[in-house]
């Protein structure tokens, strides 16, 4: 039987250098690049690839990557200090507060985008 257990996920961007700077410098992740494709090296030997799509790139309209943390508001404040801009949602079922955190049921969560416009989140680990 085929062993499919070494799977990984991926998504596109229109600017690999900007994505590499964002993920490594602003988010502090371990990032490598080979043949124009980025690999995010996450805890537990998890990998996510970010591949170039150039002008044909369309940002995902859903959250492509979630970062579980113990302190959502504290992590948002720290990342904002590094220049990460969080989304403010108002007038929708998903409304964020002054800390950019959704507290309307379910886990605390805050959304932001990468340079390619892909949606990412900081989400409560518990």
PDB file of N, CA and C in Angstrom:
ATOM      1  N   UNK A   1       0.845  -1.184   0.000  1.00  0.00           N
ATOM      2  CA  UNK A   1       0.000   0.000   0.000  1.00  0.00           C
ATOM      3  C   UNK A   1       0.889   1.245   0.000  1.00  0.00           C
ATOM      4  N   UNK A   2       0.469   2.249  -0.730  1.00  0.00           N
ATOM      5  CA  UNK A   2       1.220   3.502  -0.808  1.00  0.00           C
ATOM      6  C   UNK A   2       1.227   4.199   0.533  1.00  0.00           C
ATOM      7  N   UNK A   3       2.390   4.746   0.908  1.00  0.00           N
ATOM      8  CA  UNK A   3       2.514   5.502   2.155  1.00  0.00           C
ATOM      9  C   UNK A   3       2.342   6.981   1.841  1.00  0.00           C
ATOM     10  N   UNK A   4       1.212   7.547   2.213  1.00  0.00           N
ATOM     11  CA  UNK A   4       0.906   8.955   1.950  1.00  0.00           C
ATOM     12  C   UNK A   4       1.037   9.813   3.199  1.00  0.00           C
ATOM     13  N   UNK A   5       1.726   9.317   4.208  1.00  0.00           N
ATOM     14  CA  UNK A   5       1.767   9.987   5.505  1.00  0.00           C
ATOM     15  C   UNK A   5       2.692  11.199   5.561  1.00  0.00           C
ATOM     16  N   UNK A   6       3.516  11.406   4.555  1.00  0.00           N
ATOM     17  CA  UNK A   6       4.441  12.542   4.577  1.00  0.00           C
ATOM     18  C   UNK A   6       3.870  13.720   3.793  1.00  0.00           C
ATOM     19  N   UNK A   7       2.594  13.983   3.979  1.00  0.00           N
ATOM     20  CA  UNK A   7       1.916  15.059   3.257  1.00  0.00           C
ATOM     21  C   UNK A   7       2.298  16.425   3.813  1.00  0.00           C
ATOM     22  N   UNK A   8       2.095  17.437   3.005  1.00  0.00           N
ATOM     23  CA  UNK A   8       2.292  18.823   3.438  1.00  0.00           C
ATOM     24  C   UNK A   8       1.292  19.679   2.685  1.00  0.00           C
ATOM     25  N   UNK A   9       1.086  20.889   3.175  1.00  0.00           N
ATOM     26  CA  UNK A   9       0.159  21.788   2.494  1.00  0.00           C
ATOM     27  C   UNK A   9       0.935  22.918   1.841  1.00  0.00           C
ATOM     28  N   UNK A  10       0.257  23.678   1.013  1.00  0.00           N
ATOM     29  CA  UNK A  10       0.898  24.793   0.344  1.00  0.00           C
ATOM     30  C   UNK A  10      -0.121  25.778  -0.179  1.00  0.00           C
ATOM     31  N   UNK A  11       0.369  26.954  -0.505  1.00  0.00           N
ATOM     32  CA  UNK A  11      -0.458  27.995  -1.113  1.00  0.00           C
ATOM     33  C   UNK A  11       0.454  28.919  -1.897  1.00  0.00           C
ATOM     34  N   UNK A  12      -0.144  29.773  -2.722  1.00  0.00           N
ATOM     35  CA  UNK A  12       0.653  30.593  -3.631  1.00  0.00           C
ATOM     36  C   UNK A  12       0.840  32.019  -3.130  1.00  0.00           C
ATOM     37  N   UNK A  13       1.755  32.701  -3.799  1.00  0.00           N
ATOM     38  CA  UNK A  13       1.999  34.121  -3.575  1.00  0.00           C
ATOM     39  C   UNK A  13       2.419  34.745  -4.894  1.00  0.00           C
ATOM     40  N   UNK A  14       2.406  36.046  -4.947  1.00  0.00           N
ATOM     41  CA  UNK A  14       2.871  36.739  -6.142  1.00  0.00           C
ATOM     42  C   UNK A  14       4.270  37.328  -5.948  1.00  0.00           C
ATOM     43  N   UNK A  15       4.851  37.173  -4.747  1.00  0.00           N
ATOM     44  CA  UNK A  15       6.157  37.785  -4.461  1.00  0.00           C
ATOM     45  C   UNK A  15       6.910  36.929  -3.437  1.00  0.00           C
ATOM     46  N   UNK A  16       7.736  36.032  -3.931  1.00  0.00           N
ATOM     47  CA  UNK A  16       8.491  35.133  -3.046  1.00  0.00           C
ATOM     48  C   UNK A  16       9.440  35.888  -2.121  1.00  0.00           C
ATOM     49  N   UNK A  17      10.233  36.864  -2.597  1.00  0.00           N
ATOM     50  CA  UNK A  17      11.109  37.587  -1.664  1.00  0.00           C
ATOM     51  C   UNK A  17      10.348  38.289  -0.540  1.00  0.00           C
ATOM     52  N   UNK A  18       9.210  38.909  -0.850  1.00  0.00           N
ATOM     53  CA  UNK A  18       8.414  39.575   0.190  1.00  0.00           C
ATOM     54  C   UNK A  18       7.865  38.553   1.167  1.00  0.00           C
ATOM     55  N   UNK A  19       7.415  37.414   0.661  1.00  0.00           N
ATOM     56  CA  UNK A  19       6.903  36.358   1.543  1.00  0.00           C
ATOM     57  C   UNK A  19       8.010  35.831   2.443  1.00  0.00           C
ATOM     58  N   UNK A  20       9.195  35.633   1.891  1.00  0.00           N
ATOM     59  CA  UNK A  20      10.308  35.126   2.701  1.00  0.00           C
ATOM     60  C   UNK A  20      10.652  36.104   3.823  1.00  0.00           C
ATOM     61  N   UNK A  21      10.711  37.380   3.521  1.00  0.00           N
ATOM     62  CA  UNK A  21      11.005  38.393   4.546  1.00  0.00           C
ATOM     63  C   UNK A  21       9.908  38.416   5.602  1.00  0.00           C
ATOM     64  N   UNK A  22       8.657  38.357   5.185  1.00  0.00           N
ATOM     65  CA  UNK A  22       7.534  38.410   6.116  1.00  0.00           C
ATOM     66  C   UNK A  22       7.554  37.219   7.077  1.00  0.00           C
ATOM     67  N   UNK A  23       7.635  36.025   6.531  1.00  0.00           N
ATOM     68  CA  UNK A  23       7.569  34.831   7.377  1.00  0.00           C
ATOM     69  C   UNK A  23       8.802  34.671   8.258  1.00  0.00           C
ATOM     70  N   UNK A  24       9.969  35.047   7.755  1.00  0.00           N
ATOM     71  CA  UNK A  24      11.175  34.878   8.566  1.00  0.00           C
ATOM     72  C   UNK A  24      11.405  36.051   9.516  1.00  0.00           C
ATOM     73  N   UNK A  25      11.283  37.270   9.026  1.00  0.00           N
ATOM     74  CA  UNK A  25      11.617  38.439   9.842  1.00  0.00           C
ATOM     75  C   UNK A  25      10.464  38.898  10.734  1.00  0.00           C
ATOM     76  N   UNK A  26       9.268  39.006  10.181  1.00  0.00           N
ATOM     77  CA  UNK A  26       8.145  39.508  10.989  1.00  0.00           C
ATOM     78  C   UNK A  26       7.531  38.429  11.870  1.00  0.00           C
ATOM     79  N   UNK A  27       7.413  37.197  11.346  1.00  0.00           N
ATOM     80  CA  UNK A  27       6.815  36.128  12.150  1.00  0.00           C
ATOM     81  C   UNK A  27       7.860  35.298  12.880  1.00  0.00           C
ATOM     82  N   UNK A  28       9.118  35.400  12.487  1.00  0.00           N
ATOM     83  CA  UNK A  28      10.184  34.683  13.176  1.00  0.00           C
ATOM     84  C   UNK A  28      10.215  33.186  12.903  1.00  0.00           C
ATOM     85  N   UNK A  29       9.710  32.766  11.742  1.00  0.00           N
ATOM     86  CA  UNK A  29       9.677  31.346  11.412  1.00  0.00           C
ATOM     87  C   UNK A  29      10.947  30.911  10.697  1.00  0.00           C
ATOM     88  N   UNK A  30      11.239  29.635  10.766  1.00  0.00           N
ATOM     89  CA  UNK A  30      12.350  29.039  10.033  1.00  0.00           C
ATOM     90  C   UNK A  30      11.874  28.832   8.599  1.00  0.00           C
ATOM     91  N   UNK A  31      12.521  29.527   7.658  1.00  0.00           N
ATOM     92  CA  UNK A  31      12.109  29.501   6.257  1.00  0.00           C
ATOM     93  C   UNK A  31      13.312  29.143   5.400  1.00  0.00           C
ATOM     94  N   UNK A  32      13.107  28.231   4.454  1.00  0.00           N
ATOM     95  CA  UNK A  32      14.152  27.948   3.478  1.00  0.00           C
ATOM     96  C   UNK A  32      13.591  28.170   2.081  1.00  0.00           C
ATOM     97  N   UNK A  33      14.495  28.338   1.122  1.00  0.00           N
ATOM     98  CA  UNK A  33      14.086  28.560  -0.263  1.00  0.00           C
ATOM     99  C   UNK A  33      14.908  27.654  -1.154  1.00  0.00           C
ATOM    100  N   UNK A  34      14.249  26.990  -2.074  1.00  0.00           N
ATOM    101  CA  UNK A  34      14.931  26.178  -3.074  1.00  0.00           C
ATOM    102  C   UNK A  34      14.126  26.244  -4.361  1.00  0.00           C
ATOM    103  N   UNK A  35      14.806  26.560  -5.449  1.00  0.00           N
ATOM    104  CA  UNK A  35      14.173  26.615  -6.768  1.00  0.00           C
ATOM    105  C   UNK A  35      12.982  27.574  -6.804  1.00  0.00           C
ATOM    106  N   UNK A  36      13.067  28.674  -6.059  1.00  0.00           N
ATOM    107  CA  UNK A  36      12.019  29.682  -6.066  1.00  0.00           C
ATOM    108  C   UNK A  36      10.800  29.344  -5.236  1.00  0.00           C
ATOM    109  N   UNK A  37      10.871  28.252  -4.466  1.00  0.00           N
ATOM    110  CA  UNK A  37       9.757  27.837  -3.615  1.00  0.00           C
ATOM    111  C   UNK A  37      10.190  27.950  -2.164  1.00  0.00           C
ATOM    112  N   UNK A  38       9.349  28.561  -1.326  1.00  0.00           N
ATOM    113  CA  UNK A  38       9.643  28.683   0.096  1.00  0.00           C
ATOM    114  C   UNK A  38       9.094  27.472   0.835  1.00  0.00           C
ATOM    115  N   UNK A  39       9.795  27.084   1.892  1.00  0.00           N
ATOM    116  CA  UNK A  39       9.273  26.080   2.810  1.00  0.00           C
ATOM    117  C   UNK A  39       9.311  26.666   4.205  1.00  0.00           C
ATOM    118  N   UNK A  40       8.142  26.665   4.865  1.00  0.00           N
ATOM    119  CA  UNK A  40       8.070  27.043   6.274  1.00  0.00           C
ATOM    120  C   UNK A  40       8.278  25.767   7.066  1.00  0.00           C
ATOM    121  N   UNK A  41       9.236  25.794   7.984  1.00  0.00           N
ATOM    122  CA  UNK A  41       9.527  24.635   8.828  1.00  0.00           C
ATOM    123  C   UNK A  41       8.900  24.911  10.192  1.00  0.00           C
ATOM    124  N   UNK A  42       7.832  24.188  10.487  1.00  0.00           N
ATOM    125  CA  UNK A  42       7.056  24.428  11.697  1.00  0.00           C
ATOM    126  C   UNK A  42       7.308  23.339  12.728  1.00  0.00           C
ATOM    127  N   UNK A  43       6.812  23.545  13.928  1.00  0.00           N
ATOM    128  CA  UNK A  43       6.990  22.582  15.018  1.00  0.00           C
ATOM    129  C   UNK A  43       6.488  21.205  14.609  1.00  0.00           C
ATOM    130  N   UNK A  44       7.131  20.174  15.154  1.00  0.00           N
ATOM    131  CA  UNK A  44       6.712  18.808  14.875  1.00  0.00           C
ATOM    132  C   UNK A  44       7.070  18.357  13.472  1.00  0.00           C
ATOM    133  N   UNK A  45       8.092  18.945  12.892  1.00  0.00           N
ATOM    134  CA  UNK A  45       8.531  18.620  11.531  1.00  0.00           C
ATOM    135  C   UNK A  45       7.445  18.842  10.479  1.00  0.00           C
ATOM    136  N   UNK A  46       6.539  19.775  10.741  1.00  0.00           N
ATOM    137  CA  UNK A  46       5.506  20.114   9.760  1.00  0.00           C
ATOM    138  C   UNK A  46       6.086  21.094   8.752  1.00  0.00           C
ATOM    139  N   UNK A  47       5.665  20.942   7.518  1.00  0.00           N
ATOM    140  CA  UNK A  47       6.133  21.825   6.446  1.00  0.00           C
ATOM    141  C   UNK A  47       4.937  22.413   5.709  1.00  0.00           C
ATOM    142  N   UNK A  48       5.110  23.655   5.292  1.00  0.00           N
ATOM    143  CA  UNK A  48       4.148  24.317   4.423  1.00  0.00           C
ATOM    144  C   UNK A  48       4.968  24.957   3.311  1.00  0.00           C
ATOM    145  N   UNK A  49       4.562  24.737   2.064  1.00  0.00           N
ATOM    146  CA  UNK A  49       5.276  25.359   0.956  1.00  0.00           C
ATOM    147  C   UNK A  49       4.492  26.555   0.439  1.00  0.00           C
ATOM    148  N   UNK A  50       5.244  27.546   0.001  1.00  0.00           N
ATOM    149  CA  UNK A  50       4.661  28.732  -0.626  1.00  0.00           C
ATOM    150  C   UNK A  50       5.310  28.841  -1.993  1.00  0.00           C
ATOM    151  N   UNK A  51       4.492  28.762  -3.016  1.00  0.00           N
ATOM    152  CA  UNK A  51       5.016  28.707  -4.371  1.00  0.00           C
ATOM    153  C   UNK A  51       4.623  29.963  -5.149  1.00  0.00           C
ATOM    154  N   UNK A  52       5.471  30.349  -6.117  1.00  0.00           N
ATOM    155  CA  UNK A  52       5.183  31.562  -6.892  1.00  0.00           C
ATOM    156  C   UNK A  52       4.120  31.306  -7.950  1.00  0.00           C
ATOM    157  N   UNK A  53       3.234  32.262  -8.076  1.00  0.00           N
ATOM    158  CA  UNK A  53       2.217  32.186  -9.112  1.00  0.00           C
ATOM    159  C   UNK A  53       2.187  33.472  -9.928  1.00  0.00           C
ATOM    160  N   UNK A  54       3.037  34.426  -9.548  1.00  0.00           N
ATOM    161  CA  UNK A  54       3.139  35.671 -10.301  1.00  0.00           C
ATOM    162  C   UNK A  54       1.822  36.415 -10.389  1.00  0.00           C
ATOM    163  N   UNK A  55       1.590  37.085 -11.516  1.00  0.00           N
ATOM    164  CA  UNK A  55       0.381  37.891 -11.645  1.00  0.00           C
ATOM    165  C   UNK A  55      -0.910  37.062 -11.656  1.00  0.00           C
ATOM    166  N   UNK A  56      -0.808  35.764 -11.859  1.00  0.00           N
ATOM    167  CA  UNK A  56      -2.003  34.905 -11.831  1.00  0.00           C
ATOM    168  C   UNK A  56      -2.446  34.587 -10.398  1.00  0.00           C
ATOM    169  N   UNK A  57      -1.635  34.982  -9.407  1.00  0.00           N
ATOM    170  CA  UNK A  57      -1.955  34.699  -8.004  1.00  0.00           C
ATOM    171  C   UNK A  57      -3.230  35.408  -7.584  1.00  0.00           C
ATOM    172  N   UNK A  58      -4.097  34.661  -6.929  1.00  0.00           N
ATOM    173  CA  UNK A  58      -5.284  35.211  -6.282  1.00  0.00           C
ATOM    174  C   UNK A  58      -5.220  34.782  -4.827  1.00  0.00           C
ATOM    175  N   UNK A  59      -5.244  35.722  -3.880  1.00  0.00           N
ATOM    176  CA  UNK A  59      -5.177  35.334  -2.470  1.00  0.00           C
ATOM    177  C   UNK A  59      -6.332  34.419  -2.082  1.00  0.00           C
ATOM    178  N   UNK A  60      -6.061  33.519  -1.173  1.00  0.00           N
ATOM    179  CA  UNK A  60      -7.113  32.656  -0.652  1.00  0.00           C
ATOM    180  C   UNK A  60      -8.152  33.509   0.069  1.00  0.00           C
ATOM    181  N   UNK A  61      -9.396  33.122  -0.013  1.00  0.00           N
ATOM    182  CA  UNK A  61     -10.479  33.855   0.650  1.00  0.00           C
ATOM    183  C   UNK A  61     -10.845  33.225   1.984  1.00  0.00           C
ATOM    184  N   UNK A  62     -10.019  32.324   2.447  1.00  0.00           N
ATOM    185  CA  UNK A  62     -10.220  31.614   3.712  1.00  0.00           C
ATOM    186  C   UNK A  62      -8.869  31.571   4.432  1.00  0.00           C
ATOM    187  N   UNK A  63      -8.875  31.176   5.673  1.00  0.00           N
ATOM    188  CA  UNK A  63      -7.641  31.112   6.461  1.00  0.00           C
ATOM    189  C   UNK A  63      -6.813  29.920   6.005  1.00  0.00           C
ATOM    190  N   UNK A  64      -5.598  30.190   5.515  1.00  0.00           N
ATOM    191  CA  UNK A  64      -4.750  29.119   5.002  1.00  0.00           C
ATOM    192  C   UNK A  64      -3.808  28.551   6.054  1.00  0.00           C
ATOM    193  N   UNK A  65      -3.562  29.311   7.127  1.00  0.00           N
ATOM    194  CA  UNK A  65      -2.619  28.864   8.140  1.00  0.00           C
ATOM    195  C   UNK A  65      -3.001  29.477   9.485  1.00  0.00           C
ATOM    196  N   UNK A  66      -3.112  28.637  10.514  1.00  0.00           N
ATOM    197  CA  UNK A  66      -3.467  29.071  11.863  1.00  0.00           C
ATOM    198  C   UNK A  66      -2.277  28.844  12.789  1.00  0.00           C
ATOM    199  N   UNK A  67      -1.997  29.821  13.631  1.00  0.00           N
ATOM    200  CA  UNK A  67      -0.908  29.723  14.595  1.00  0.00           C
ATOM    201  C   UNK A  67      -1.495  29.672  16.003  1.00  0.00           C
ATOM    202  N   UNK A  68      -1.580  28.485  16.621  1.00  0.00           N
ATOM    203  CA  UNK A  68      -2.116  28.389  17.981  1.00  0.00           C
ATOM    204  C   UNK A  68      -1.137  28.990  18.992  1.00  0.00           C
ATOM    205  N   UNK A  69      -1.667  29.812  19.892  1.00  0.00           N
ATOM    206  CA  UNK A  69      -0.858  30.452  20.933  1.00  0.00           C
ATOM    207  C   UNK A  69      -1.634  30.453  22.246  1.00  0.00           C
ATOM    208  N   UNK A  70      -0.934  30.638  23.345  1.00  0.00           N
ATOM    209  CA  UNK A  70      -1.571  30.698  24.660  1.00  0.00           C
ATOM    210  C   UNK A  70      -2.237  32.042  24.918  1.00  0.00           C
ATOM    211  N   UNK A  71      -1.657  33.130  24.390  1.00  0.00           N
ATOM    212  CA  UNK A  71      -2.151  34.484  24.658  1.00  0.00           C
ATOM    213  C   UNK A  71      -2.391  35.195  23.327  1.00  0.00           C
ATOM    214  N   UNK A  72      -3.621  35.147  22.844  1.00  0.00           N
ATOM    215  CA  UNK A  72      -3.941  35.728  21.536  1.00  0.00           C
ATOM    216  C   UNK A  72      -3.688  37.228  21.534  1.00  0.00           C
ATOM    217  N   UNK A  73      -4.284  37.974  22.473  1.00  0.00           N
ATOM    218  CA  UNK A  73      -4.133  39.434  22.490  1.00  0.00           C
ATOM    219  C   UNK A  73      -2.669  39.843  22.655  1.00  0.00           C
ATOM    220  N   UNK A  74      -1.933  39.132  23.504  1.00  0.00           N
ATOM    221  CA  UNK A  74      -0.514  39.439  23.706  1.00  0.00           C
ATOM    222  C   UNK A  74       0.307  39.180  22.449  1.00  0.00           C
ATOM    223  N   UNK A  75       0.004  38.096  21.751  1.00  0.00           N
ATOM    224  CA  UNK A  75       0.719  37.776  20.510  1.00  0.00           C
ATOM    225  C   UNK A  75       0.384  38.788  19.426  1.00  0.00           C
ATOM    226  N   UNK A  76      -0.875  39.190  19.358  1.00  0.00           N
ATOM    227  CA  UNK A  76      -1.271  40.223  18.393  1.00  0.00           C
ATOM    228  C   UNK A  76      -0.486  41.500  18.665  1.00  0.00           C
ATOM    229  N   UNK A  77      -0.410  41.917  19.921  1.00  0.00           N
ATOM    230  CA  UNK A  77       0.327  43.138  20.271  1.00  0.00           C
ATOM    231  C   UNK A  77       1.802  43.011  19.893  1.00  0.00           C
ATOM    232  N   UNK A  78       2.395  41.853  20.164  1.00  0.00           N
ATOM    233  CA  UNK A  78       3.808  41.640  19.825  1.00  0.00           C
ATOM    234  C   UNK A  78       4.023  41.718  18.314  1.00  0.00           C
ATOM    235  N   UNK A  79       3.169  41.028  17.556  1.00  0.00           N
ATOM    236  CA  UNK A  79       3.328  41.031  16.102  1.00  0.00           C
ATOM    237  C   UNK A  79       3.038  42.407  15.502  1.00  0.00           C
ATOM    238  N   UNK A  80       2.086  43.135  16.065  1.00  0.00           N
ATOM    239  CA  UNK A  80       1.838  44.507  15.597  1.00  0.00           C
ATOM    240  C   UNK A  80       3.074  45.367  15.809  1.00  0.00           C
ATOM    241  N   UNK A  81       3.795  45.113  16.908  1.00  0.00           N
ATOM    242  CA  UNK A  81       5.044  45.822  17.159  1.00  0.00           C
ATOM    243  C   UNK A  81       6.118  45.517  16.126  1.00  0.00           C
ATOM    244  N   UNK A  82       5.999  44.373  15.472  1.00  0.00           N
ATOM    245  CA  UNK A  82       6.939  43.987  14.402  1.00  0.00           C
ATOM    246  C   UNK A  82       6.449  44.432  13.031  1.00  0.00           C
ATOM    247  N   UNK A  83       5.305  45.115  12.992  1.00  0.00           N
ATOM    248  CA  UNK A  83       4.802  45.630  11.725  1.00  0.00           C
ATOM    249  C   UNK A  83       3.737  44.787  11.052  1.00  0.00           C
ATOM    250  N   UNK A  84       3.237  43.745  11.712  1.00  0.00           N
ATOM    251  CA  UNK A  84       2.168  42.937  11.140  1.00  0.00           C
ATOM    252  C   UNK A  84       0.851  43.683  11.332  1.00  0.00           C
ATOM    253  N   UNK A  85       0.083  43.823  10.256  1.00  0.00           N
ATOM    254  CA  UNK A  85      -1.201  44.525  10.312  1.00  0.00           C
ATOM    255  C   UNK A  85      -2.335  43.511  10.426  1.00  0.00           C
ATOM    256  N   UNK A  86      -3.150  43.659  11.461  1.00  0.00           N
ATOM    257  CA  UNK A  86      -4.265  42.746  11.694  1.00  0.00           C
ATOM    258  C   UNK A  86      -5.542  43.306  11.085  1.00  0.00           C
ATOM    259  N   UNK A  87      -6.442  42.401  10.737  1.00  0.00           N
ATOM    260  CA  UNK A  87      -7.713  42.765  10.119  1.00  0.00           C
ATOM    261  C   UNK A  87      -8.694  43.232  11.191  1.00  0.00           C
ATOM    262  N   UNK A  88      -9.442  44.257  10.868  1.00  0.00           N
ATOM    263  CA  UNK A  88     -10.512  44.714  11.747  1.00  0.00           C
ATOM    264  C   UNK A  88     -11.815  44.435  11.015  1.00  0.00           C
ATOM    265  N   UNK A  89     -12.642  43.593  11.605  1.00  0.00           N
ATOM    266  CA  UNK A  89     -13.935  43.266  11.027  1.00  0.00           C
ATOM    267  C   UNK A  89     -15.016  43.923  11.871  1.00  0.00           C
ATOM    268  N   UNK A  90     -15.913  44.653  11.226  1.00  0.00           N
ATOM    269  CA  UNK A  90     -17.027  45.291  11.925  1.00  0.00           C
ATOM    270  C   UNK A  90     -18.302  45.081  11.125  1.00  0.00           C
ATOM    271  N   UNK A  91     -19.417  45.064  11.829  1.00  0.00           N
ATOM    272  CA  UNK A  91     -20.701  44.975  11.169  1.00  0.00           C
ATOM    273  C   UNK A  91     -20.986  43.645  10.501  1.00  0.00           C
ATOM    274  N   UNK A  92     -20.268  42.619  10.885  1.00  0.00           N
ATOM    275  CA  UNK A  92     -20.494  41.278  10.342  1.00  0.00           C
ATOM    276  C   UNK A  92     -20.669  40.323  11.523  1.00  0.00           C
ATOM    277  N   UNK A  93     -21.064  39.101  11.265  1.00  0.00           N
ATOM    278  CA  UNK A  93     -21.135  38.136  12.381  1.00  0.00           C
ATOM    279  C   UNK A  93     -19.776  37.943  13.065  1.00  0.00           C
ATOM    280  N   UNK A  94     -18.704  38.185  12.328  1.00  0.00           N
ATOM    281  CA  UNK A  94     -17.364  38.091  12.900  1.00  0.00           C
ATOM    282  C   UNK A  94     -16.875  39.511  13.128  1.00  0.00           C
ATOM    283  N   UNK A  95     -17.007  39.983  14.368  1.00  0.00           N
ATOM    284  CA  UNK A  95     -16.609  41.354  14.687  1.00  0.00           C
ATOM    285  C   UNK A  95     -15.440  41.326  15.664  1.00  0.00           C
ATOM    286  N   UNK A  96     -14.360  41.996  15.283  1.00  0.00           N
ATOM    287  CA  UNK A  96     -13.177  42.036  16.139  1.00  0.00           C
ATOM    288  C   UNK A  96     -13.223  43.267  17.040  1.00  0.00           C
ATOM    289  N   UNK A  97     -12.564  43.171  18.188  1.00  0.00           N
ATOM    290  CA  UNK A  97     -12.562  44.273  19.151  1.00  0.00           C
ATOM    291  C   UNK A  97     -11.387  45.211  18.909  1.00  0.00           C
ATOM    292  N   UNK A  98     -11.149  46.118  19.856  1.00  0.00           N
ATOM    293  CA  UNK A  98     -10.065  47.087  19.715  1.00  0.00           C
ATOM    294  C   UNK A  98      -8.686  46.443  19.706  1.00  0.00           C
ATOM    295  N   UNK A  99      -8.591  45.193  20.183  1.00  0.00           N
ATOM    296  CA  UNK A  99      -7.323  44.442  20.154  1.00  0.00           C
ATOM    297  C   UNK A  99      -7.224  43.587  18.899  1.00  0.00           C
ATOM    298  N   UNK A 100      -8.182  43.730  17.955  1.00  0.00           N
ATOM    299  CA  UNK A 100      -8.250  42.965  16.711  1.00  0.00           C
ATOM    300  C   UNK A 100      -8.608  41.499  16.950  1.00  0.00           C
ATOM    301  N   UNK A 101      -9.185  41.184  18.093  1.00  0.00           N
ATOM    302  CA  UNK A 101      -9.500  39.801  18.478  1.00  0.00           C
ATOM    303  C   UNK A 101     -11.001  39.574  18.389  1.00  0.00           C
ATOM    304  N   UNK A 102     -11.393  38.452  17.799  1.00  0.00           N
ATOM    305  CA  UNK A 102     -12.789  38.030  17.776  1.00  0.00           C
ATOM    306  C   UNK A 102     -13.066  37.267  19.065  1.00  0.00           C
ATOM    307  N   UNK A 103     -14.033  37.735  19.834  1.00  0.00           N
ATOM    308  CA  UNK A 103     -14.376  37.127  21.122  1.00  0.00           C
ATOM    309  C   UNK A 103     -15.855  36.729  21.161  1.00  0.00           C
ATOM    310  N   UNK A 104     -16.447  36.468  20.001  1.00  0.00           N
ATOM    311  CA  UNK A 104     -17.878  36.249  19.917  1.00  0.00           C
ATOM    312  C   UNK A 104     -18.323  34.804  19.965  1.00  0.00           C
ATOM    313  N   UNK A 105     -17.510  33.931  20.507  1.00  0.00           N
ATOM    314  CA  UNK A 105     -17.852  32.514  20.581  1.00  0.00           C
ATOM    315  C   UNK A 105     -16.776  31.686  19.917  1.00  0.00           C
ATOM    316  N   UNK A 106     -16.554  30.509  20.439  1.00  0.00           N
ATOM    317  CA  UNK A 106     -15.462  29.689  19.932  1.00  0.00           C
ATOM    318  C   UNK A 106     -14.139  30.197  20.458  1.00  0.00           C
ATOM    319  N   UNK A 107     -13.048  29.726  19.900  1.00  0.00           N
ATOM    320  CA  UNK A 107     -11.735  30.172  20.394  1.00  0.00           C
ATOM    321  C   UNK A 107     -11.476  31.635  20.030  1.00  0.00           C
ATOM    322  N   UNK A 108     -10.710  32.313  20.876  1.00  0.00           N
ATOM    323  CA  UNK A 108     -10.259  33.661  20.530  1.00  0.00           C
ATOM    324  C   UNK A 108      -9.414  33.545  19.274  1.00  0.00           C
ATOM    325  N   UNK A 109      -9.593  34.504  18.356  1.00  0.00           N
ATOM    326  CA  UNK A 109      -8.867  34.442  17.087  1.00  0.00           C
ATOM    327  C   UNK A 109      -8.683  35.850  16.537  1.00  0.00           C
ATOM    328  N   UNK A 110      -7.561  36.061  15.850  1.00  0.00           N
ATOM    329  CA  UNK A 110      -7.282  37.331  15.179  1.00  0.00           C
ATOM    330  C   UNK A 110      -6.672  37.004  13.818  1.00  0.00           C
ATOM    331  N   UNK A 111      -7.094  37.740  12.806  1.00  0.00           N
ATOM    332  CA  UNK A 111      -6.661  37.462  11.444  1.00  0.00           C
ATOM    333  C   UNK A 111      -5.742  38.548  10.916  1.00  0.00           C
ATOM    334  N   UNK A 112      -4.824  38.133  10.038  1.00  0.00           N
ATOM    335  CA  UNK A 112      -3.941  39.048   9.341  1.00  0.00           C
ATOM    336  C   UNK A 112      -3.605  38.433   7.988  1.00  0.00           C
ATOM    337  N   UNK A 113      -2.979  39.192   7.112  1.00  0.00           N
ATOM    338  CA  UNK A 113      -2.629  38.672   5.796  1.00  0.00           C
ATOM    339  C   UNK A 113      -1.128  38.737   5.567  1.00  0.00           C
ATOM    340  N   UNK A 114      -0.660  37.853   4.699  1.00  0.00           N
ATOM    341  CA  UNK A 114       0.744  37.891   4.295  1.00  0.00           C
ATOM    342  C   UNK A 114       0.883  38.839   3.112  1.00  0.00           C
ATOM    343  N   UNK A 115       2.093  39.062   2.597  1.00  0.00           N
ATOM    344  CA  UNK A 115       2.250  40.018   1.489  1.00  0.00           C
ATOM    345  C   UNK A 115       1.448  39.652   0.237  1.00  0.00           C
ATOM    346  N   UNK A 116       1.123  38.365   0.062  1.00  0.00           N
ATOM    347  CA  UNK A 116       0.321  37.944  -1.081  1.00  0.00           C
ATOM    348  C   UNK A 116      -1.168  38.058  -0.847  1.00  0.00           C
ATOM    349  N   UNK A 117      -1.578  38.539   0.348  1.00  0.00           N
ATOM    350  CA  UNK A 117      -2.981  38.699   0.669  1.00  0.00           C
ATOM    351  C   UNK A 117      -3.648  37.454   1.229  1.00  0.00           C
ATOM    352  N   UNK A 118      -2.876  36.376   1.447  1.00  0.00           N
ATOM    353  CA  UNK A 118      -3.431  35.158   2.032  1.00  0.00           C
ATOM    354  C   UNK A 118      -3.763  35.390   3.497  1.00  0.00           C
ATOM    355  N   UNK A 119      -4.882  34.835   3.951  1.00  0.00           N
ATOM    356  CA  UNK A 119      -5.357  35.055   5.312  1.00  0.00           C
ATOM    357  C   UNK A 119      -4.721  34.041   6.269  1.00  0.00           C
ATOM    358  N   UNK A 120      -4.186  34.564   7.365  1.00  0.00           N
ATOM    359  CA  UNK A 120      -3.558  33.772   8.425  1.00  0.00           C
ATOM    360  C   UNK A 120      -4.249  34.125   9.740  1.00  0.00           C
ATOM    361  N   UNK A 121      -4.064  33.301  10.772  1.00  0.00           N
ATOM    362  CA  UNK A 121      -4.667  33.663  12.051  1.00  0.00           C
ATOM    363  C   UNK A 121      -3.764  33.317  13.215  1.00  0.00           C
ATOM    364  N   UNK A 122      -3.993  34.052  14.293  1.00  0.00           N
ATOM    365  CA  UNK A 122      -3.506  33.715  15.634  1.00  0.00           C
ATOM    366  C   UNK A 122      -4.731  33.201  16.350  1.00  0.00           C
ATOM    367  N   UNK A 123      -4.680  31.988  16.873  1.00  0.00           N
ATOM    368  CA  UNK A 123      -5.849  31.365  17.483  1.00  0.00           C
ATOM    369  C   UNK A 123      -5.484  30.778  18.850  1.00  0.00           C
ATOM    370  N   UNK A 124      -6.417  30.830  19.779  1.00  0.00           N
ATOM    371  CA  UNK A 124      -6.171  30.303  21.116  1.00  0.00           C
ATOM    372  C   UNK A 124      -5.859  28.808  21.042  1.00  0.00           C
ATOM    373  N   UNK A 125      -4.807  28.411  21.725  1.00  0.00           N
ATOM    374  CA  UNK A 125      -4.368  27.013  21.704  1.00  0.00           C
ATOM    375  C   UNK A 125      -5.301  26.112  22.483  1.00  0.00           C
ATOM    376  N   UNK A 126      -6.016  26.652  23.432  1.00  0.00           N
ATOM    377  CA  UNK A 126      -6.914  25.819  24.264  1.00  0.00           C
ATOM    378  C   UNK A 126      -8.316  25.819  23.733  1.00  0.00           C
TER     379      UNK A 126
END
